[in-house]
Amino acid sequence: MPWTNSQNAANYAQIGACYGTLGNNLPPPTEVFALCNKNNIRQIRLYNPNPSILTALQGDINNISIIVGVANEDIPGIAQNALLAKSWVQNNILKYKNVNFRYISVGNEISPLDNKTANIAPSVAPAMQNIYNAILETGLRTKVKVSTVLSLGILGQSYPPSAGVFKSEIQSSFIDPIVKFLVETQSPFLVNVYPYLTYIGNTNDIRLDYALFRSRSVVVRDGVYDYNNLFDAMVDATYAALEKAGGANLEIVVSETGWVGRWGTDGTSVENARIYNSNLVKSVGKGTPRKPGKAIETYIFDLIDENQKALNLRSIGDYFMLINSLNIPSHLLVK
């Protein structure tokens, strides 16, 4: 059944889905978007400006808003050359005039501490600025925001949530320029939040019911803030870190979250994935203890099966289950 038939529409208005394309047996985009419309999924995150998907969105599907990513490998060139930024905006935004672009994400989970992306990290903030400047010239400044997606690996401390702080070794060189840009442009802070990964990394101290939104009592008391689920604690730790970095008024958008349904370890099951996702949907409209009543725009990973991901990624990628209670055709569900 569509989400809004059974639960609060205000909560579901905050929920989107990630649409990955690493596969050779993917359903056509028109079919995927028909599924989204049927189930009131109005927000989609794309990891790159896939032409076939964006062309499909040119039709009668402009009620779906889009996060579109700049590929990590394109960032250094865009950072160094404003003309490349203008070309990227022309070819991937302006070309699709009927697509409702919400955010442009300059990169995904880039970090100076990750060997795979460390060489790109210095280019992130300059690339964001060049893309933003290109957007300014189009007249879309108030419509399309520019940001980047980061992982919670950038936090140096997250417990208790009020002690949240960014890692000191990347604060001034990497985090501060990004936060400064977001503050100046009034753009959101995009971050991937996975309680599953935090839970399996510390099952001795973190209860499964706390990670699945099932605790009926306070698990963590942090001054005036009480937490009964791990997701809220992780988001509030990020809010606390942003406050210390000069970004107290920034909005957080959870650009990925989910739960492993198969091929994982402790707590992994299709049922737990269903529980996590359905409880997540109920929770995000309420805000967090630090930001009560402030709904959290949240994207669930993953919308469809991506059968060409590396095996080690599939265990934490394709096997994150989208909400099982939806009336989704079996060939579109994560296998």
C-alpha atoms as a PDB file:
ATOM      1  CA  MET A   1       0.000   0.000   0.000  1.00  0.00           C
ATOM      2  CA  PRO A   2       1.184   3.570  -0.457  1.00  0.00           C
ATOM      3  CA  TRP A   3       2.897   4.931   2.605  1.00  0.00           C
ATOM      4  CA  THR A   4       0.405   7.700   3.260  1.00  0.00           C
ATOM      5  CA  ASN A   5      -2.545   5.315   3.386  1.00  0.00           C
ATOM      6  CA  SER A   6      -1.451   3.864   6.674  1.00  0.00           C
ATOM      7  CA  GLN A   7       0.733   6.390   8.480  1.00  0.00           C
ATOM      8  CA  ASN A   8       1.274  10.112   9.026  1.00  0.00           C
ATOM      9  CA  ALA A   9       1.780  11.911   5.707  1.00  0.00           C
ATOM     10  CA  ALA A  10       3.998  14.512   7.342  1.00  0.00           C
ATOM     11  CA  ASN A  11       6.545  11.825   8.188  1.00  0.00           C
ATOM     12  CA  TYR A  12       6.559  10.365   4.708  1.00  0.00           C
ATOM     13  CA  ALA A  13       7.056  13.772   3.134  1.00  0.00           C
ATOM     14  CA  GLN A  14      10.574  13.634   4.613  1.00  0.00           C
ATOM     15  CA  ILE A  15      11.472  10.216   3.152  1.00  0.00           C
ATOM     16  CA  GLY A  16      13.249   9.654  -0.128  1.00  0.00           C
ATOM     17  CA  ALA A  17      15.198   6.805  -1.681  1.00  0.00           C
ATOM     18  CA  CYS A  18      18.648   6.339  -3.204  1.00  0.00           C
ATOM     19  CA  TYR A  19      18.661   5.185  -6.828  1.00  0.00           C
ATOM     20  CA  GLY A  20      21.898   3.432  -7.707  1.00  0.00           C
ATOM     21  CA  THR A  21      22.661   2.130 -11.193  1.00  0.00           C
ATOM     22  CA  LEU A  22      25.527  -0.364 -10.845  1.00  0.00           C
ATOM     23  CA  GLY A  23      23.797  -3.226 -12.636  1.00  0.00           C
ATOM     24  CA  ASN A  24      23.145  -4.821 -16.018  1.00  0.00           C
ATOM     25  CA  ASN A  25      19.611  -5.976 -15.327  1.00  0.00           C
ATOM     26  CA  LEU A  26      18.070  -2.730 -14.111  1.00  0.00           C
ATOM     27  CA  PRO A  27      14.406  -1.951 -14.807  1.00  0.00           C
ATOM     28  CA  PRO A  28      13.767   1.050 -17.054  1.00  0.00           C
ATOM     29  CA  PRO A  29      13.643   4.391 -15.229  1.00  0.00           C
ATOM     30  CA  THR A  30      10.021   4.969 -16.243  1.00  0.00           C
ATOM     31  CA  GLU A  31       9.067   1.793 -14.406  1.00  0.00           C
ATOM     32  CA  VAL A  32      11.058   2.805 -11.349  1.00  0.00           C
ATOM     33  CA  PHE A  33       9.437   6.240 -11.226  1.00  0.00           C
ATOM     34  CA  ALA A  34       5.989   4.720 -11.688  1.00  0.00           C
ATOM     35  CA  LEU A  35       6.789   2.656  -8.587  1.00  0.00           C
ATOM     36  CA  CYS A  36       7.883   5.800  -6.752  1.00  0.00           C
ATOM     37  CA  ASN A  37       4.712   7.666  -7.662  1.00  0.00           C
ATOM     38  CA  LYS A  38       2.539   4.734  -6.653  1.00  0.00           C
ATOM     39  CA  ASN A  39       4.149   4.646  -3.241  1.00  0.00           C
ATOM     40  CA  ASN A  40       4.423   8.410  -2.707  1.00  0.00           C
ATOM     41  CA  ILE A  41       8.226   8.486  -2.890  1.00  0.00           C
ATOM     42  CA  ARG A  42       8.753  12.111  -3.872  1.00  0.00           C
ATOM     43  CA  GLN A  43      12.503  12.503  -3.313  1.00  0.00           C
ATOM     44  CA  ILE A  44      15.279  10.598  -5.088  1.00  0.00           C
ATOM     45  CA  ARG A  45      19.034  10.684  -4.754  1.00  0.00           C
ATOM     46  CA  LEU A  46      21.105   9.981  -7.877  1.00  0.00           C
ATOM     47  CA  TYR A  47      24.828   9.345  -7.481  1.00  0.00           C
ATOM     48  CA  ASN A  48      25.595  10.751 -10.910  1.00  0.00           C
ATOM     49  CA  PRO A  49      23.698  12.627 -13.645  1.00  0.00           C
ATOM     50  CA  ASN A  50      22.511   9.509 -15.470  1.00  0.00           C
ATOM     51  CA  PRO A  51      21.098  10.715 -18.821  1.00  0.00           C
ATOM     52  CA  SER A  52      18.457   8.000 -19.190  1.00  0.00           C
ATOM     53  CA  ILE A  53      17.107   8.678 -15.711  1.00  0.00           C
ATOM     54  CA  LEU A  54      17.104  12.443 -16.124  1.00  0.00           C
ATOM     55  CA  THR A  55      15.455  12.117 -19.540  1.00  0.00           C
ATOM     56  CA  ALA A  56      12.716   9.982 -17.981  1.00  0.00           C
ATOM     57  CA  LEU A  57      12.190  12.682 -15.375  1.00  0.00           C
ATOM     58  CA  GLN A  58      11.584  15.214 -18.140  1.00  0.00           C
ATOM     59  CA  GLY A  59       8.145  13.722 -18.616  1.00  0.00           C
ATOM     60  CA  ASP A  60       5.204  13.973 -16.243  1.00  0.00           C
ATOM     61  CA  ILE A  61       7.255  13.144 -13.164  1.00  0.00           C
ATOM     62  CA  ASN A  62       8.251  16.626 -12.025  1.00  0.00           C
ATOM     63  CA  ASN A  63       6.627  16.010  -8.645  1.00  0.00           C
ATOM     64  CA  ILE A  64       9.788  14.066  -7.745  1.00  0.00           C
ATOM     65  CA  SER A  65      12.702  16.163  -6.478  1.00  0.00           C
ATOM     66  CA  ILE A  66      16.270  15.099  -7.127  1.00  0.00           C
ATOM     67  CA  ILE A  67      19.658  15.123  -5.444  1.00  0.00           C
ATOM     68  CA  VAL A  68      22.195  14.670  -8.223  1.00  0.00           C
ATOM     69  CA  GLY A  69      25.845  13.923  -7.591  1.00  0.00           C
ATOM     70  CA  VAL A  70      29.022  15.162  -9.178  1.00  0.00           C
ATOM     71  CA  ALA A  71      31.221  12.070  -9.589  1.00  0.00           C
ATOM     72  CA  ASN A  72      34.234  12.015  -7.269  1.00  0.00           C
ATOM     73  CA  GLU A  73      36.644  11.718 -10.165  1.00  0.00           C
ATOM     74  CA  ASP A  74      35.277  14.897 -11.781  1.00  0.00           C
ATOM     75  CA  ILE A  75      35.886  17.081  -8.746  1.00  0.00           C
ATOM     76  CA  PRO A  76      39.565  18.036  -9.192  1.00  0.00           C
ATOM     77  CA  GLY A  77      38.985  19.302 -12.726  1.00  0.00           C
ATOM     78  CA  ILE A  78      35.900  21.276 -11.715  1.00  0.00           C
ATOM     79  CA  ALA A  79      37.784  22.770  -8.758  1.00  0.00           C
ATOM     80  CA  GLN A  80      40.561  23.989 -11.026  1.00  0.00           C
ATOM     81  CA  ASN A  81      38.516  25.165 -13.990  1.00  0.00           C
ATOM     82  CA  ALA A  82      35.379  27.306 -13.686  1.00  0.00           C
ATOM     83  CA  LEU A  83      34.557  26.584 -17.321  1.00  0.00           C
ATOM     84  CA  LEU A  84      34.295  22.866 -16.527  1.00  0.00           C
ATOM     85  CA  ALA A  85      31.870  23.703 -13.721  1.00  0.00           C
ATOM     86  CA  LYS A  86      29.758  25.751 -16.140  1.00  0.00           C
ATOM     87  CA  SER A  87      29.848  22.902 -18.647  1.00  0.00           C
ATOM     88  CA  TRP A  88      28.776  20.407 -15.978  1.00  0.00           C
ATOM     89  CA  VAL A  89      25.829  22.592 -14.993  1.00  0.00           C
ATOM     90  CA  GLN A  90      24.876  23.161 -18.622  1.00  0.00           C
ATOM     91  CA  ASN A  91      24.997  19.456 -19.548  1.00  0.00           C
ATOM     92  CA  ASN A  92      23.490  18.005 -16.392  1.00  0.00           C
ATOM     93  CA  ILE A  93      21.144  20.645 -14.981  1.00  0.00           C
ATOM     94  CA  LEU A  94      20.083  23.177 -17.609  1.00  0.00           C
ATOM     95  CA  LYS A  95      19.670  20.484 -20.250  1.00  0.00           C
ATOM     96  CA  TYR A  96      16.847  18.994 -18.197  1.00  0.00           C
ATOM     97  CA  LYS A  97      14.634  22.031 -17.710  1.00  0.00           C
ATOM     98  CA  ASN A  98      11.624  20.076 -16.435  1.00  0.00           C
ATOM     99  CA  VAL A  99      13.515  18.149 -13.772  1.00  0.00           C
ATOM    100  CA  ASN A 100      13.016  19.333 -10.214  1.00  0.00           C
ATOM    101  CA  PHE A 101      16.607  19.464  -8.968  1.00  0.00           C
ATOM    102  CA  ARG A 102      16.837  19.993  -5.211  1.00  0.00           C
ATOM    103  CA  TYR A 103      20.526  19.622  -4.393  1.00  0.00           C
ATOM    104  CA  ILE A 104      23.773  19.085  -6.246  1.00  0.00           C
ATOM    105  CA  SER A 105      26.094  16.904  -4.194  1.00  0.00           C
ATOM    106  CA  VAL A 106      29.735  17.522  -5.056  1.00  0.00           C
ATOM    107  CA  GLY A 107      31.142  14.070  -4.322  1.00  0.00           C
ATOM    108  CA  ASN A 108      30.188  11.186  -2.054  1.00  0.00           C
ATOM    109  CA  GLU A 109      31.979  10.337   1.201  1.00  0.00           C
ATOM    110  CA  ILE A 110      35.246  12.018   0.325  1.00  0.00           C
ATOM    111  CA  SER A 111      37.675  12.212   3.239  1.00  0.00           C
ATOM    112  CA  PRO A 112      41.331  13.152   3.681  1.00  0.00           C
ATOM    113  CA  LEU A 113      41.585  10.060   5.902  1.00  0.00           C
ATOM    114  CA  ASP A 114      40.461   7.647   3.167  1.00  0.00           C
ATOM    115  CA  ASN A 115      43.288   6.523   0.889  1.00  0.00           C
ATOM    116  CA  LYS A 116      40.834   6.199  -2.012  1.00  0.00           C
ATOM    117  CA  THR A 117      39.677   9.810  -1.834  1.00  0.00           C
ATOM    118  CA  ALA A 118      42.407  11.682   0.074  1.00  0.00           C
ATOM    119  CA  ASN A 119      43.832  13.190  -3.108  1.00  0.00           C
ATOM    120  CA  ILE A 120      40.391  14.592  -4.005  1.00  0.00           C
ATOM    121  CA  ALA A 121      39.635  16.084  -0.585  1.00  0.00           C
ATOM    122  CA  PRO A 122      41.417  19.451  -1.082  1.00  0.00           C
ATOM    123  CA  SER A 123      39.322  20.023  -4.213  1.00  0.00           C
ATOM    124  CA  VAL A 124      35.887  19.540  -2.642  1.00  0.00           C
ATOM    125  CA  ALA A 125      35.251  23.057  -1.308  1.00  0.00           C
ATOM    126  CA  PRO A 126      36.671  24.810  -4.421  1.00  0.00           C
ATOM    127  CA  ALA A 127      34.563  22.575  -6.659  1.00  0.00           C
ATOM    128  CA  MET A 128      31.466  23.359  -4.597  1.00  0.00           C
ATOM    129  CA  GLN A 129      32.185  27.049  -5.049  1.00  0.00           C
ATOM    130  CA  ASN A 130      32.655  26.738  -8.817  1.00  0.00           C
ATOM    131  CA  ILE A 131      29.452  24.730  -9.235  1.00  0.00           C
ATOM    132  CA  TYR A 132      27.629  27.284  -7.086  1.00  0.00           C
ATOM    133  CA  ASN A 133      29.000  30.158  -9.168  1.00  0.00           C
ATOM    134  CA  ALA A 134      27.816  28.394 -12.315  1.00  0.00           C
ATOM    135  CA  ILE A 135      24.356  27.948 -10.764  1.00  0.00           C
ATOM    136  CA  LEU A 136      24.285  31.657  -9.873  1.00  0.00           C
ATOM    137  CA  GLU A 137      24.660  32.546 -13.522  1.00  0.00           C
ATOM    138  CA  THR A 138      21.621  30.433 -14.423  1.00  0.00           C
ATOM    139  CA  GLY A 139      19.168  32.136 -12.081  1.00  0.00           C
ATOM    140  CA  LEU A 140      18.597  28.890 -10.165  1.00  0.00           C
ATOM    141  CA  ARG A 141      20.340  30.055  -6.982  1.00  0.00           C
ATOM    142  CA  THR A 142      17.245  29.881  -4.765  1.00  0.00           C
ATOM    143  CA  LYS A 143      16.024  26.625  -6.283  1.00  0.00           C
ATOM    144  CA  VAL A 144      19.120  24.399  -6.410  1.00  0.00           C
ATOM    145  CA  LYS A 145      21.452  24.134  -3.402  1.00  0.00           C
ATOM    146  CA  VAL A 146      25.048  22.906  -3.592  1.00  0.00           C
ATOM    147  CA  SER A 147      26.559  20.625  -0.942  1.00  0.00           C
ATOM    148  CA  THR A 148      28.626  17.441  -0.573  1.00  0.00           C
ATOM    149  CA  VAL A 149      27.829  14.078   1.036  1.00  0.00           C
ATOM    150  CA  LEU A 150      30.058  13.069   3.941  1.00  0.00           C
ATOM    151  CA  SER A 151      30.198   9.995   6.154  1.00  0.00           C
ATOM    152  CA  LEU A 152      30.099   9.994   9.945  1.00  0.00           C
ATOM    153  CA  GLY A 153      33.702   8.796   9.855  1.00  0.00           C
ATOM    154  CA  ILE A 154      34.581  12.496   9.964  1.00  0.00           C
ATOM    155  CA  LEU A 155      33.494  12.691  13.619  1.00  0.00           C
ATOM    156  CA  GLY A 156      36.235  12.420  16.181  1.00  0.00           C
ATOM    157  CA  GLN A 157      33.758  11.855  19.004  1.00  0.00           C
ATOM    158  CA  SER A 158      30.052  11.086  18.960  1.00  0.00           C
ATOM    159  CA  TYR A 159      29.279   9.844  22.478  1.00  0.00           C
ATOM    160  CA  PRO A 160      27.523  11.298  24.249  1.00  0.00           C
ATOM    161  CA  PRO A 161      25.879  13.178  21.374  1.00  0.00           C
ATOM    162  CA  SER A 162      26.510  16.615  22.905  1.00  0.00           C
ATOM    163  CA  ALA A 163      30.252  15.859  22.759  1.00  0.00           C
ATOM    164  CA  GLY A 164      30.089  15.441  18.993  1.00  0.00           C
ATOM    165  CA  VAL A 165      33.089  17.008  17.299  1.00  0.00           C
ATOM    166  CA  PHE A 166      34.851  16.682  13.960  1.00  0.00           C
ATOM    167  CA  LYS A 167      38.255  15.010  13.840  1.00  0.00           C
ATOM    168  CA  SER A 168      40.852  17.615  14.678  1.00  0.00           C
ATOM    169  CA  GLU A 169      43.266  16.480  11.971  1.00  0.00           C
ATOM    170  CA  ILE A 170      40.780  17.350   9.203  1.00  0.00           C
ATOM    171  CA  GLN A 171      38.893  20.222  10.843  1.00  0.00           C
ATOM    172  CA  SER A 172      40.731  23.272   9.519  1.00  0.00           C
ATOM    173  CA  SER A 173      41.816  21.926   6.149  1.00  0.00           C
ATOM    174  CA  PHE A 174      38.690  20.034   5.080  1.00  0.00           C
ATOM    175  CA  ILE A 175      35.637  20.532   7.306  1.00  0.00           C
ATOM    176  CA  ASP A 176      35.878  24.274   8.000  1.00  0.00           C
ATOM    177  CA  PRO A 177      35.864  25.372   4.323  1.00  0.00           C
ATOM    178  CA  ILE A 178      32.850  23.137   3.636  1.00  0.00           C
ATOM    179  CA  VAL A 179      30.914  24.412   6.652  1.00  0.00           C
ATOM    180  CA  LYS A 180      31.794  28.017   5.807  1.00  0.00           C
ATOM    181  CA  PHE A 181      30.504  27.540   2.258  1.00  0.00           C
ATOM    182  CA  LEU A 182      27.256  25.913   3.454  1.00  0.00           C
ATOM    183  CA  VAL A 183      26.632  28.696   5.953  1.00  0.00           C
ATOM    184  CA  GLU A 184      27.244  31.407   3.378  1.00  0.00           C
ATOM    185  CA  THR A 185      24.973  29.780   0.791  1.00  0.00           C
ATOM    186  CA  GLN A 186      22.351  28.532   3.278  1.00  0.00           C
ATOM    187  CA  SER A 187      22.753  24.991   1.993  1.00  0.00           C
ATOM    188  CA  PRO A 188      22.239  21.784   3.990  1.00  0.00           C
ATOM    189  CA  PHE A 189      24.878  19.478   5.450  1.00  0.00           C
ATOM    190  CA  LEU A 190      24.465  16.076   3.766  1.00  0.00           C
ATOM    191  CA  VAL A 191      25.620  13.032   5.711  1.00  0.00           C
ATOM    192  CA  ASN A 192      25.218   9.254   5.494  1.00  0.00           C
ATOM    193  CA  VAL A 193      23.979   7.788   8.790  1.00  0.00           C
ATOM    194  CA  TYR A 194      24.105   4.019   9.354  1.00  0.00           C
ATOM    195  CA  PRO A 195      23.189   2.821  12.857  1.00  0.00           C
ATOM    196  CA  TYR A 196      23.671  -0.725  11.537  1.00  0.00           C
ATOM    197  CA  LEU A 197      27.392  -0.150  11.038  1.00  0.00           C
ATOM    198  CA  THR A 198      27.747   1.476  14.453  1.00  0.00           C
ATOM    199  CA  TYR A 199      25.861  -1.403  16.056  1.00  0.00           C
ATOM    200  CA  ILE A 200      27.866  -4.229  14.460  1.00  0.00           C
ATOM    201  CA  GLY A 201      31.061  -2.418  15.395  1.00  0.00           C
ATOM    202  CA  ASN A 202      30.141  -2.445  19.081  1.00  0.00           C
ATOM    203  CA  THR A 203      27.536  -5.081  19.876  1.00  0.00           C
ATOM    204  CA  ASN A 204      28.821  -5.405  23.426  1.00  0.00           C
ATOM    205  CA  ASP A 205      27.755  -1.867  24.327  1.00  0.00           C
ATOM    206  CA  ILE A 206      24.972  -1.068  21.835  1.00  0.00           C
ATOM    207  CA  ARG A 207      21.644  -2.852  22.143  1.00  0.00           C
ATOM    208  CA  LEU A 208      19.882  -4.075  19.018  1.00  0.00           C
ATOM    209  CA  ASP A 209      16.553  -2.583  20.113  1.00  0.00           C
ATOM    210  CA  TYR A 210      18.284   0.815  20.475  1.00  0.00           C
ATOM    211  CA  ALA A 211      19.603   0.568  16.895  1.00  0.00           C
ATOM    212  CA  LEU A 212      16.194  -0.539  15.540  1.00  0.00           C
ATOM    213  CA  PHE A 213      14.107   2.215  17.197  1.00  0.00           C
ATOM    214  CA  ARG A 214      12.486  -0.417  19.454  1.00  0.00           C
ATOM    215  CA  SER A 215      13.609   0.662  22.886  1.00  0.00           C
ATOM    216  CA  ARG A 216      10.664   1.755  25.024  1.00  0.00           C
ATOM    217  CA  SER A 217      12.835   3.524  27.553  1.00  0.00           C
ATOM    218  CA  VAL A 218      15.696   6.004  27.610  1.00  0.00           C
ATOM    219  CA  VAL A 219      18.998   4.334  26.729  1.00  0.00           C
ATOM    220  CA  VAL A 220      21.297   7.356  26.706  1.00  0.00           C
ATOM    221  CA  ARG A 221      20.738  10.368  28.944  1.00  0.00           C
ATOM    222  CA  ASP A 222      22.861  13.299  27.789  1.00  0.00           C
ATOM    223  CA  GLY A 223      22.173  16.281  30.030  1.00  0.00           C
ATOM    224  CA  VAL A 224      18.700  17.497  29.111  1.00  0.00           C
ATOM    225  CA  TYR A 225      18.526  15.203  26.069  1.00  0.00           C
ATOM    226  CA  ASP A 226      17.155  11.663  26.318  1.00  0.00           C
ATOM    227  CA  TYR A 227      17.734   9.097  23.570  1.00  0.00           C
ATOM    228  CA  ASN A 228      15.847   5.900  22.901  1.00  0.00           C
ATOM    229  CA  ASN A 229      17.281   5.265  19.420  1.00  0.00           C
ATOM    230  CA  LEU A 230      20.754   5.340  17.899  1.00  0.00           C
ATOM    231  CA  PHE A 231      19.768   7.215  14.735  1.00  0.00           C
ATOM    232  CA  ASP A 232      18.753  10.316  16.695  1.00  0.00           C
ATOM    233  CA  ALA A 233      21.939  10.131  18.755  1.00  0.00           C
ATOM    234  CA  MET A 234      24.087   9.993  15.611  1.00  0.00           C
ATOM    235  CA  VAL A 235      22.274  12.899  13.972  1.00  0.00           C
ATOM    236  CA  ASP A 236      22.497  14.992  17.140  1.00  0.00           C
ATOM    237  CA  ALA A 237      26.215  14.241  17.482  1.00  0.00           C
ATOM    238  CA  THR A 238      26.562  15.732  14.003  1.00  0.00           C
ATOM    239  CA  TYR A 239      24.505  18.774  15.003  1.00  0.00           C
ATOM    240  CA  ALA A 240      26.769  19.233  18.036  1.00  0.00           C
ATOM    241  CA  ALA A 241      29.885  19.007  15.857  1.00  0.00           C
ATOM    242  CA  LEU A 242      28.445  21.552  13.433  1.00  0.00           C
ATOM    243  CA  GLU A 243      27.700  23.958  16.266  1.00  0.00           C
ATOM    244  CA  LYS A 244      31.337  23.785  17.371  1.00  0.00           C
ATOM    245  CA  ALA A 245      32.459  24.371  13.767  1.00  0.00           C
ATOM    246  CA  GLY A 246      30.368  27.498  13.234  1.00  0.00           C
ATOM    247  CA  GLY A 247      27.439  25.753  11.551  1.00  0.00           C
ATOM    248  CA  ALA A 248      24.845  25.914  14.330  1.00  0.00           C
ATOM    249  CA  ASN A 249      22.046  26.922  11.961  1.00  0.00           C
ATOM    250  CA  LEU A 250      22.762  24.373   9.235  1.00  0.00           C
ATOM    251  CA  GLU A 251      20.108  21.830   8.371  1.00  0.00           C
ATOM    252  CA  ILE A 252      21.163  18.185   8.271  1.00  0.00           C
ATOM    253  CA  VAL A 253      19.918  15.982   5.447  1.00  0.00           C
ATOM    254  CA  VAL A 254      20.491  12.249   5.890  1.00  0.00           C
ATOM    255  CA  SER A 255      21.543  11.334   2.365  1.00  0.00           C
ATOM    256  CA  GLU A 256      21.755   7.574   3.031  1.00  0.00           C
ATOM    257  CA  THR A 257      20.576   5.212   5.693  1.00  0.00           C
ATOM    258  CA  GLY A 258      19.311   1.644   5.861  1.00  0.00           C
ATOM    259  CA  TRP A 259      19.762  -1.794   7.383  1.00  0.00           C
ATOM    260  CA  VAL A 260      21.400  -4.915   5.979  1.00  0.00           C
ATOM    261  CA  GLY A 261      18.787  -7.534   5.093  1.00  0.00           C
ATOM    262  CA  ARG A 262      21.131 -10.340   4.023  1.00  0.00           C
ATOM    263  CA  TRP A 263      24.803 -11.262   3.886  1.00  0.00           C
ATOM    264  CA  GLY A 264      25.663  -9.308   6.990  1.00  0.00           C
ATOM    265  CA  THR A 265      26.561 -10.309  10.541  1.00  0.00           C
ATOM    266  CA  ASP A 266      24.947  -9.578  13.902  1.00  0.00           C
ATOM    267  CA  GLY A 267      21.384  -8.318  13.649  1.00  0.00           C
ATOM    268  CA  THR A 268      21.177  -8.952   9.923  1.00  0.00           C
ATOM    269  CA  SER A 269      17.802 -10.135   8.671  1.00  0.00           C
ATOM    270  CA  VAL A 270      15.070  -9.094   6.298  1.00  0.00           C
ATOM    271  CA  GLU A 271      12.777  -8.662   9.289  1.00  0.00           C
ATOM    272  CA  ASN A 272      15.225  -6.320  11.029  1.00  0.00           C
ATOM    273  CA  ALA A 273      15.595  -4.332   7.814  1.00  0.00           C
ATOM    274  CA  ARG A 274      11.810  -3.983   7.657  1.00  0.00           C
ATOM    275  CA  ILE A 275      11.654  -2.958  11.313  1.00  0.00           C
ATOM    276  CA  TYR A 276      14.425  -0.393  10.948  1.00  0.00           C
ATOM    277  CA  ASN A 277      13.047   1.227   7.822  1.00  0.00           C
ATOM    278  CA  SER A 278       9.431   1.329   8.953  1.00  0.00           C
ATOM    279  CA  ASN A 279      10.391   2.764  12.353  1.00  0.00           C
ATOM    280  CA  LEU A 280      12.739   5.242  10.684  1.00  0.00           C
ATOM    281  CA  VAL A 281       9.856   6.540   8.580  1.00  0.00           C
ATOM    282  CA  LYS A 282       7.749   7.047  11.696  1.00  0.00           C
ATOM    283  CA  SER A 283      10.571   8.810  13.517  1.00  0.00           C
ATOM    284  CA  VAL A 284      12.083  11.348  11.121  1.00  0.00           C
ATOM    285  CA  GLY A 285       9.074  13.642  11.083  1.00  0.00           C
ATOM    286  CA  LYS A 286       9.425  14.193  14.825  1.00  0.00           C
ATOM    287  CA  GLY A 287      12.961  15.553  14.794  1.00  0.00           C
ATOM    288  CA  THR A 288      15.598  14.655  17.398  1.00  0.00           C
ATOM    289  CA  PRO A 289      15.994  15.483  21.103  1.00  0.00           C
ATOM    290  CA  ARG A 290      18.351  18.325  20.150  1.00  0.00           C
ATOM    291  CA  LYS A 291      16.033  19.574  17.385  1.00  0.00           C
ATOM    292  CA  PRO A 292      12.508  18.511  18.432  1.00  0.00           C
ATOM    293  CA  GLY A 293       9.839  19.070  15.808  1.00  0.00           C
ATOM    294  CA  LYS A 294      12.408  19.683  13.066  1.00  0.00           C
ATOM    295  CA  ALA A 295      11.779  16.937  10.541  1.00  0.00           C
ATOM    296  CA  ILE A 296      14.829  15.234   9.043  1.00  0.00           C
ATOM    297  CA  GLU A 297      14.899  14.853   5.272  1.00  0.00           C
ATOM    298  CA  THR A 298      16.110  11.253   4.875  1.00  0.00           C
ATOM    299  CA  TYR A 299      16.982   8.945   1.964  1.00  0.00           C
ATOM    300  CA  ILE A 300      16.761   5.158   2.288  1.00  0.00           C
ATOM    301  CA  PHE A 301      19.337   2.999   0.528  1.00  0.00           C
ATOM    302  CA  ASP A 302      18.647   1.319  -1.909  1.00  0.00           C
ATOM    303  CA  LEU A 303      15.706   1.568  -4.304  1.00  0.00           C
ATOM    304  CA  ILE A 304      16.614  -1.336  -6.618  1.00  0.00           C
ATOM    305  CA  ASP A 305      19.112  -4.197  -6.787  1.00  0.00           C
ATOM    306  CA  GLU A 306      22.522  -3.257  -8.211  1.00  0.00           C
ATOM    307  CA  ASN A 307      23.966  -6.585  -9.312  1.00  0.00           C
ATOM    308  CA  GLN A 308      27.359  -5.302 -10.490  1.00  0.00           C
ATOM    309  CA  LYS A 309      28.662  -4.022  -7.203  1.00  0.00           C
ATOM    310  CA  ALA A 310      31.700  -5.764  -5.797  1.00  0.00           C
ATOM    311  CA  LEU A 311      30.719  -8.584  -3.467  1.00  0.00           C
ATOM    312  CA  ASN A 312      32.119  -6.880  -0.383  1.00  0.00           C
ATOM    313  CA  LEU A 313      30.070  -3.774  -1.196  1.00  0.00           C
ATOM    314  CA  ARG A 314      26.908  -5.704  -1.893  1.00  0.00           C
ATOM    315  CA  SER A 315      26.863  -6.959   1.676  1.00  0.00           C
ATOM    316  CA  ILE A 316      26.455  -3.371   2.836  1.00  0.00           C
ATOM    317  CA  GLY A 317      24.851  -2.023  -0.303  1.00  0.00           C
ATOM    318  CA  ASP A 318      22.302  -3.995  -2.243  1.00  0.00           C
ATOM    319  CA  TYR A 319      21.266  -5.863   0.870  1.00  0.00           C
ATOM    320  CA  PHE A 320      20.028  -2.789   2.636  1.00  0.00           C
ATOM    321  CA  MET A 321      16.318  -3.373   2.257  1.00  0.00           C
ATOM    322  CA  LEU A 322      13.819  -0.764   1.176  1.00  0.00           C
ATOM    323  CA  ILE A 323      10.600  -0.855   3.164  1.00  0.00           C
ATOM    324  CA  ASN A 324       9.071  -4.303   2.652  1.00  0.00           C
ATOM    325  CA  SER A 325       5.564  -3.155   3.475  1.00  0.00           C
ATOM    326  CA  LEU A 326       5.359  -1.272   0.191  1.00  0.00           C
ATOM    327  CA  ASN A 327       3.534  -2.867  -2.691  1.00  0.00           C
ATOM    328  CA  ILE A 328       6.674  -3.215  -4.810  1.00  0.00           C
ATOM    329  CA  PRO A 329       6.918  -5.743  -7.669  1.00  0.00           C
ATOM    330  CA  SER A 330       9.272  -8.565  -6.714  1.00  0.00           C
ATOM    331  CA  HIS A 331      11.697  -7.936  -9.589  1.00  0.00           C
ATOM    332  CA  LEU A 332      12.317  -4.405  -8.279  1.00  0.00           C
ATOM    333  CA  LEU A 333      13.052  -5.472  -4.715  1.00  0.00           C
ATOM    334  CA  VAL A 334      16.563  -5.941  -3.410  1.00  0.00           C
ATOM    335  CA  LYS A 335      17.415  -9.605  -3.820  1.00  0.00           C
END
